[in-house]
Each structure stands twice: as C-alpha cells, then as structure tokens.
Amino acid sequence: MTDSTLNVTINQHAHCLPAGASLADAVQASGISPPFAAAVNLQFVPKSQYSAHLLKTGDRIELISPITGG
C-alpha cells in the first residue's frame, strides 16, 4: 500500500481504493445494485451520507441486500 491507496474489505473481499475514497466510491467499486443498506465497521450509514463518509485503510464495509420471502 502507498499513501495514494486504501485497503478496505467490502463484503469480506479485499479492495484497493484511491486515497480519499468515500463510501459512495466503495459502493461503485462493488458493483452492487439497489436496493441495499450499507455499514462501515458495523455502523449503519444513511444513503444521504455515502459521499461524505470518507474511508480509512482497514475499514470493513458491508453492503446488504434485503431478502424477501418466508
């Protein structure tokens, strides 16, 4: 890793993002399709905050799609 990249985990898979990346960047990198909820280090982040939530190396991101049915 250099100062220009971040190593994060998205849904238990390692990803390398550019320094200064936000949760919105991680969502885009994951390729997930809505609807989903997002958490960083087990803390829910509202969709309105994705662009403002800056990531740090080592952050664990979970993108969770709803499950329907019984």
PDB file of N, CA and C in Angstrom:
ATOM      1  N   MET A   1       0.836  -1.188   0.000  1.00  0.00           N
ATOM      2  CA  MET A   1       0.000   0.000   0.000  1.00  0.00           C
ATOM      3  C   MET A   1       0.875   1.243   0.000  1.00  0.00           C
ATOM      4  N   THR A   2       0.413   2.251  -0.717  1.00  0.00           N
ATOM      5  CA  THR A   2       1.108   3.532  -0.698  1.00  0.00           C
ATOM      6  C   THR A   2       0.156   4.568  -0.101  1.00  0.00           C
ATOM      7  N   ASP A   3       0.649   5.790   0.060  1.00  0.00           N
ATOM      8  CA  ASP A   3      -0.194   6.854   0.595  1.00  0.00           C
ATOM      9  C   ASP A   3      -1.322   7.215  -0.365  1.00  0.00           C
ATOM     10  N   SER A   4      -1.278   6.718  -1.591  1.00  0.00           N
ATOM     11  CA  SER A   4      -2.299   7.077  -2.562  1.00  0.00           C
ATOM     12  C   SER A   4      -3.401   6.030  -2.674  1.00  0.00           C
ATOM     13  N   THR A   5      -3.354   4.988  -1.843  1.00  0.00           N
ATOM     14  CA  THR A   5      -4.390   3.955  -1.891  1.00  0.00           C
ATOM     15  C   THR A   5      -4.844   3.575  -0.483  1.00  0.00           C
ATOM     16  N   LEU A   6      -6.055   2.994  -0.427  1.00  0.00           N
ATOM     17  CA  LEU A   6      -6.624   2.466   0.811  1.00  0.00           C
ATOM     18  C   LEU A   6      -6.932   0.995   0.605  1.00  0.00           C
ATOM     19  N   ASN A   7      -6.643   0.188   1.584  1.00  0.00           N
ATOM     20  CA  ASN A   7      -7.049  -1.211   1.554  1.00  0.00           C
ATOM     21  C   ASN A   7      -8.248  -1.355   2.481  1.00  0.00           C
ATOM     22  N   VAL A   8      -9.381  -1.761   1.895  1.00  0.00           N
ATOM     23  CA  VAL A   8     -10.602  -1.957   2.661  1.00  0.00           C
ATOM     24  C   VAL A   8     -11.166  -3.329   2.337  1.00  0.00           C
ATOM     25  N   THR A   9     -12.133  -3.749   3.117  1.00  0.00           N
ATOM     26  CA  THR A   9     -12.829  -5.003   2.866  1.00  0.00           C
ATOM     27  C   THR A   9     -14.283  -4.679   2.553  1.00  0.00           C
ATOM     28  N   ILE A  10     -14.765  -5.164   1.424  1.00  0.00           N
ATOM     29  CA  ILE A  10     -16.158  -4.976   1.029  1.00  0.00           C
ATOM     30  C   ILE A  10     -16.790  -6.364   0.941  1.00  0.00           C
ATOM     31  N   ASN A  11     -17.776  -6.604   1.813  1.00  0.00           N
ATOM     32  CA  ASN A  11     -18.446  -7.908   1.856  1.00  0.00           C
ATOM     33  C   ASN A  11     -17.428  -9.050   1.901  1.00  0.00           C
ATOM     34  N   GLN A  12     -16.460  -8.909   2.766  1.00  0.00           N
ATOM     35  CA  GLN A  12     -15.446  -9.924   3.067  1.00  0.00           C
ATOM     36  C   GLN A  12     -14.458 -10.161   1.923  1.00  0.00           C
ATOM     37  N   HIS A  13     -14.372  -9.201   0.986  1.00  0.00           N
ATOM     38  CA  HIS A  13     -13.403  -9.288  -0.104  1.00  0.00           C
ATOM     39  C   HIS A  13     -12.520  -8.045  -0.076  1.00  0.00           C
ATOM     40  N   ALA A  14     -11.225  -8.235  -0.198  1.00  0.00           N
ATOM     41  CA  ALA A  14     -10.276  -7.119  -0.170  1.00  0.00           C
ATOM     42  C   ALA A  14     -10.417  -6.263  -1.423  1.00  0.00           C
ATOM     43  N   HIS A  15     -10.370  -4.957  -1.226  1.00  0.00           N
ATOM     44  CA  HIS A  15     -10.415  -3.990  -2.326  1.00  0.00           C
ATOM     45  C   HIS A  15      -9.384  -2.907  -2.054  1.00  0.00           C
ATOM     46  N   CYS A  16      -8.827  -2.378  -3.123  1.00  0.00           N
ATOM     47  CA  CYS A  16      -7.904  -1.256  -3.040  1.00  0.00           C
ATOM     48  C   CYS A  16      -8.582  -0.067  -3.706  1.00  0.00           C
ATOM     49  N   LEU A  17      -8.745   1.016  -2.945  1.00  0.00           N
ATOM     50  CA  LEU A  17      -9.402   2.222  -3.445  1.00  0.00           C
ATOM     51  C   LEU A  17      -8.425   3.386  -3.378  1.00  0.00           C
ATOM     52  N   PRO A  18      -8.662   4.434  -4.160  1.00  0.00           N
ATOM     53  CA  PRO A  18      -7.777   5.600  -4.090  1.00  0.00           C
ATOM     54  C   PRO A  18      -7.896   6.311  -2.750  1.00  0.00           C
ATOM     55  N   ALA A  19      -6.816   6.918  -2.299  1.00  0.00           N
ATOM     56  CA  ALA A  19      -6.839   7.710  -1.066  1.00  0.00           C
ATOM     57  C   ALA A  19      -7.935   8.757  -1.191  1.00  0.00           C
ATOM     58  N   GLY A  20      -8.640   9.007  -0.092  1.00  0.00           N
ATOM     59  CA  GLY A  20      -9.725   9.978  -0.102  1.00  0.00           C
ATOM     60  C   GLY A  20     -11.040   9.401  -0.579  1.00  0.00           C
ATOM     61  N   ALA A  21     -11.089   8.082  -0.793  1.00  0.00           N
ATOM     62  CA  ALA A  21     -12.311   7.448  -1.282  1.00  0.00           C
ATOM     63  C   ALA A  21     -13.411   7.521  -0.225  1.00  0.00           C
ATOM     64  N   SER A  22     -14.632   7.633  -0.714  1.00  0.00           N
ATOM     65  CA  SER A  22     -15.797   7.674   0.160  1.00  0.00           C
ATOM     66  C   SER A  22     -16.549   6.344   0.071  1.00  0.00           C
ATOM     67  N   LEU A  23     -17.558   6.222   0.918  1.00  0.00           N
ATOM     68  CA  LEU A  23     -18.401   5.028   0.852  1.00  0.00           C
ATOM     69  C   LEU A  23     -19.068   4.937  -0.515  1.00  0.00           C
ATOM     70  N   ALA A  24     -19.423   6.071  -1.123  1.00  0.00           N
ATOM     71  CA  ALA A  24     -20.011   6.058  -2.463  1.00  0.00           C
ATOM     72  C   ALA A  24     -19.047   5.422  -3.468  1.00  0.00           C
ATOM     73  N   ASP A  25     -17.754   5.690  -3.331  1.00  0.00           N
ATOM     74  CA  ASP A  25     -16.749   5.085  -4.224  1.00  0.00           C
ATOM     75  C   ASP A  25     -16.684   3.574  -4.014  1.00  0.00           C
ATOM     76  N   ALA A  26     -16.776   3.143  -2.761  1.00  0.00           N
ATOM     77  CA  ALA A  26     -16.740   1.709  -2.459  1.00  0.00           C
ATOM     78  C   ALA A  26     -17.964   1.012  -3.030  1.00  0.00           C
ATOM     79  N   VAL A  27     -19.126   1.651  -2.921  1.00  0.00           N
ATOM     80  CA  VAL A  27     -20.357   1.079  -3.493  1.00  0.00           C
ATOM     81  C   VAL A  27     -20.194   0.908  -4.994  1.00  0.00           C
ATOM     82  N   GLN A  28     -19.666   1.929  -5.656  1.00  0.00           N
ATOM     83  CA  GLN A  28     -19.458   1.849  -7.104  1.00  0.00           C
ATOM     84  C   GLN A  28     -18.472   0.727  -7.439  1.00  0.00           C
ATOM     85  N   ALA A  29     -17.407   0.605  -6.666  1.00  0.00           N
ATOM     86  CA  ALA A  29     -16.400  -0.430  -6.926  1.00  0.00           C
ATOM     87  C   ALA A  29     -16.971  -1.838  -6.733  1.00  0.00           C
ATOM     88  N   SER A  30     -17.943  -1.964  -5.842  1.00  0.00           N
ATOM     89  CA  SER A  30     -18.503  -3.288  -5.548  1.00  0.00           C
ATOM     90  C   SER A  30     -19.409  -3.786  -6.660  1.00  0.00           C
ATOM     91  N   GLY A  31     -20.035  -2.854  -7.396  1.00  0.00           N
ATOM     92  CA  GLY A  31     -20.947  -3.246  -8.461  1.00  0.00           C
ATOM     93  C   GLY A  31     -22.316  -3.685  -7.970  1.00  0.00           C
ATOM     94  N   ILE A  32     -22.635  -3.472  -6.694  1.00  0.00           N
ATOM     95  CA  ILE A  32     -23.922  -3.885  -6.152  1.00  0.00           C
ATOM     96  C   ILE A  32     -25.046  -3.037  -6.753  1.00  0.00           C
ATOM     97  N   SER A  33     -26.211  -3.661  -6.924  1.00  0.00           N
ATOM     98  CA  SER A  33     -27.378  -2.951  -7.440  1.00  0.00           C
ATOM     99  C   SER A  33     -28.367  -2.690  -6.309  1.00  0.00           C
ATOM    100  N   PRO A  34     -29.026  -1.531  -6.320  1.00  0.00           N
ATOM    101  CA  PRO A  34     -30.033  -1.238  -5.294  1.00  0.00           C
ATOM    102  C   PRO A  34     -31.185  -2.235  -5.388  1.00  0.00           C
ATOM    103  N   PRO A  35     -31.901  -2.439  -4.322  1.00  0.00           N
ATOM    104  CA  PRO A  35     -31.761  -1.782  -3.016  1.00  0.00           C
ATOM    105  C   PRO A  35     -30.739  -2.503  -2.141  1.00  0.00           C
ATOM    106  N   PHE A  36     -30.106  -1.761  -1.257  1.00  0.00           N
ATOM    107  CA  PHE A  36     -29.186  -2.331  -0.280  1.00  0.00           C
ATOM    108  C   PHE A  36     -28.986  -1.330   0.841  1.00  0.00           C
ATOM    109  N   ALA A  37     -28.479  -1.816   1.950  1.00  0.00           N
ATOM    110  CA  ALA A  37     -28.091  -0.970   3.082  1.00  0.00           C
ATOM    111  C   ALA A  37     -26.581  -1.079   3.220  1.00  0.00           C
ATOM    112  N   ALA A  38     -25.957  -0.052   3.789  1.00  0.00           N
ATOM    113  CA  ALA A  38     -24.503  -0.041   3.930  1.00  0.00           C
ATOM    114  C   ALA A  38     -24.115   0.200   5.381  1.00  0.00           C
ATOM    115  N   ALA A  39     -23.062  -0.502   5.798  1.00  0.00           N
ATOM    116  CA  ALA A  39     -22.487  -0.302   7.125  1.00  0.00           C
ATOM    117  C   ALA A  39     -20.971  -0.272   6.983  1.00  0.00           C
ATOM    118  N   VAL A  40     -20.341   0.578   7.764  1.00  0.00           N
ATOM    119  CA  VAL A  40     -18.883   0.648   7.818  1.00  0.00           C
ATOM    120  C   VAL A  40     -18.498   0.338   9.255  1.00  0.00           C
ATOM    121  N   ASN A  41     -17.683  -0.700   9.432  1.00  0.00           N
ATOM    122  CA  ASN A  41     -17.272  -1.146  10.764  1.00  0.00           C
ATOM    123  C   ASN A  41     -18.486  -1.355  11.669  1.00  0.00           C
ATOM    124  N   LEU A  42     -19.504  -2.007  11.099  1.00  0.00           N
ATOM    125  CA  LEU A  42     -20.753  -2.378  11.785  1.00  0.00           C
ATOM    126  C   LEU A  42     -21.640  -1.198  12.147  1.00  0.00           C
ATOM    127  N   GLN A  43     -21.359  -0.004  11.616  1.00  0.00           N
ATOM    128  CA  GLN A  43     -22.191   1.179  11.862  1.00  0.00           C
ATOM    129  C   GLN A  43     -22.953   1.525  10.576  1.00  0.00           C
ATOM    130  N   PHE A  44     -24.296   1.508  10.663  1.00  0.00           N
ATOM    131  CA  PHE A  44     -25.136   1.854   9.526  1.00  0.00           C
ATOM    132  C   PHE A  44     -24.818   3.277   9.053  1.00  0.00           C
ATOM    133  N   VAL A  45     -24.750   3.447   7.734  1.00  0.00           N
ATOM    134  CA  VAL A  45     -24.520   4.776   7.147  1.00  0.00           C
ATOM    135  C   VAL A  45     -25.709   5.066   6.226  1.00  0.00           C
ATOM    136  N   PRO A  46     -26.460   6.155   6.481  1.00  0.00           N
ATOM    137  CA  PRO A  46     -27.583   6.509   5.599  1.00  0.00           C
ATOM    138  C   PRO A  46     -27.101   6.818   4.185  1.00  0.00           C
ATOM    139  N   LYS A  47     -27.929   6.492   3.209  1.00  0.00           N
ATOM    140  CA  LYS A  47     -27.555   6.721   1.806  1.00  0.00           C
ATOM    141  C   LYS A  47     -27.160   8.174   1.564  1.00  0.00           C
ATOM    142  N   SER A  48     -27.818   9.105   2.240  1.00  0.00           N
ATOM    143  CA  SER A  48     -27.519  10.529   2.055  1.00  0.00           C
ATOM    144  C   SER A  48     -26.104  10.891   2.501  1.00  0.00           C
ATOM    145  N   GLN A  49     -25.453   9.994   3.257  1.00  0.00           N
ATOM    146  CA  GLN A  49     -24.104  10.262   3.770  1.00  0.00           C
ATOM    147  C   GLN A  49     -23.001   9.506   3.032  1.00  0.00           C
ATOM    148  N   TYR A  50     -23.342   8.704   2.032  1.00  0.00           N
ATOM    149  CA  TYR A  50     -22.337   7.877   1.343  1.00  0.00           C
ATOM    150  C   TYR A  50     -21.174   8.715   0.803  1.00  0.00           C
ATOM    151  N   SER A  51     -21.471   9.830   0.148  1.00  0.00           N
ATOM    152  CA  SER A  51     -20.408  10.641  -0.451  1.00  0.00           C
ATOM    153  C   SER A  51     -19.566  11.353   0.600  1.00  0.00           C
ATOM    154  N   ALA A  52     -20.159  11.670   1.742  1.00  0.00           N
ATOM    155  CA  ALA A  52     -19.455  12.401   2.797  1.00  0.00           C
ATOM    156  C   ALA A  52     -18.672  11.479   3.725  1.00  0.00           C
ATOM    157  N   HIS A  53     -18.993  10.179   3.720  1.00  0.00           N
ATOM    158  CA  HIS A  53     -18.338   9.238   4.637  1.00  0.00           C
ATOM    159  C   HIS A  53     -17.013   8.778   4.027  1.00  0.00           C
ATOM    160  N   LEU A  54     -15.922   9.402   4.458  1.00  0.00           N
ATOM    161  CA  LEU A  54     -14.601   9.041   3.935  1.00  0.00           C
ATOM    162  C   LEU A  54     -14.093   7.775   4.603  1.00  0.00           C
ATOM    163  N   LEU A  55     -13.424   6.962   3.825  1.00  0.00           N
ATOM    164  CA  LEU A  55     -12.931   5.674   4.314  1.00  0.00           C
ATOM    165  C   LEU A  55     -11.483   5.765   4.753  1.00  0.00           C
ATOM    166  N   LYS A  56     -11.101   4.823   5.618  1.00  0.00           N
ATOM    167  CA  LYS A  56      -9.725   4.691   6.089  1.00  0.00           C
ATOM    168  C   LYS A  56      -9.259   3.271   5.794  1.00  0.00           C
ATOM    169  N   THR A  57      -7.953   3.094   5.651  1.00  0.00           N
ATOM    170  CA  THR A  57      -7.412   1.752   5.472  1.00  0.00           C
ATOM    171  C   THR A  57      -7.861   0.871   6.628  1.00  0.00           C
ATOM    172  N   GLY A  58      -8.307  -0.328   6.279  1.00  0.00           N
ATOM    173  CA  GLY A  58      -8.752  -1.288   7.282  1.00  0.00           C
ATOM    174  C   GLY A  58     -10.249  -1.269   7.528  1.00  0.00           C
ATOM    175  N   ASP A  59     -10.967  -0.292   6.954  1.00  0.00           N
ATOM    176  CA  ASP A  59     -12.419  -0.261   7.147  1.00  0.00           C
ATOM    177  C   ASP A  59     -13.045  -1.522   6.575  1.00  0.00           C
ATOM    178  N   ARG A  60     -14.083  -1.992   7.276  1.00  0.00           N
ATOM    179  CA  ARG A  60     -14.838  -3.159   6.839  1.00  0.00           C
ATOM    180  C   ARG A  60     -16.222  -2.675   6.421  1.00  0.00           C
ATOM    181  N   ILE A  61     -16.525  -2.837   5.150  1.00  0.00           N
ATOM    182  CA  ILE A  61     -17.775  -2.347   4.572  1.00  0.00           C
ATOM    183  C   ILE A  61     -18.668  -3.543   4.273  1.00  0.00           C
ATOM    184  N   GLU A  62     -19.920  -3.435   4.716  1.00  0.00           N
ATOM    185  CA  GLU A  62     -20.913  -4.460   4.418  1.00  0.00           C
ATOM    186  C   GLU A  62     -22.021  -3.807   3.617  1.00  0.00           C
ATOM    187  N   LEU A  63     -22.326  -4.369   2.462  1.00  0.00           N
ATOM    188  CA  LEU A  63     -23.426  -3.919   1.609  1.00  0.00           C
ATOM    189  C   LEU A  63     -24.430  -5.050   1.586  1.00  0.00           C
ATOM    190  N   ILE A  64     -25.602  -4.807   2.168  1.00  0.00           N
ATOM    191  CA  ILE A  64     -26.543  -5.875   2.444  1.00  0.00           C
ATOM    192  C   ILE A  64     -27.837  -5.651   1.674  1.00  0.00           C
ATOM    193  N   SER A  65     -28.184  -6.609   0.813  1.00  0.00           N
ATOM    194  CA  SER A  65     -29.432  -6.544   0.071  1.00  0.00           C
ATOM    195  C   SER A  65     -30.541  -7.215   0.884  1.00  0.00           C
ATOM    196  N   PRO A  66     -31.767  -6.673   0.790  1.00  0.00           N
ATOM    197  CA  PRO A  66     -32.866  -7.279   1.531  1.00  0.00           C
ATOM    198  C   PRO A  66     -33.209  -8.659   0.962  1.00  0.00           C
ATOM    199  N   ILE A  67     -33.694  -9.506   1.824  1.00  0.00           N
ATOM    200  CA  ILE A  67     -34.117 -10.852   1.421  1.00  0.00           C
ATOM    201  C   ILE A  67     -35.625 -10.924   1.598  1.00  0.00           C
ATOM    202  N   THR A  68     -36.325 -11.327   0.549  1.00  0.00           N
ATOM    203  CA  THR A  68     -37.771 -11.417   0.630  1.00  0.00           C
ATOM    204  C   THR A  68     -38.192 -12.876   0.664  1.00  0.00           C
ATOM    205  N   GLY A  69     -39.390 -13.079   1.074  1.00  0.00           N
ATOM    206  CA  GLY A  69     -39.916 -14.438   1.117  1.00  0.00           C
ATOM    207  C   GLY A  69     -40.065 -14.917   2.548  1.00  0.00           C
ATOM    208  N   GLY A  70     -40.518 -16.107   2.706  1.00  0.00           N
ATOM    209  CA  GLY A  70     -40.779 -16.616   4.058  1.00  0.00           C
ATOM    210  C   GLY A  70     -40.092 -17.869   4.271  1.00  0.00           C
TER     211      GLY A  70
END
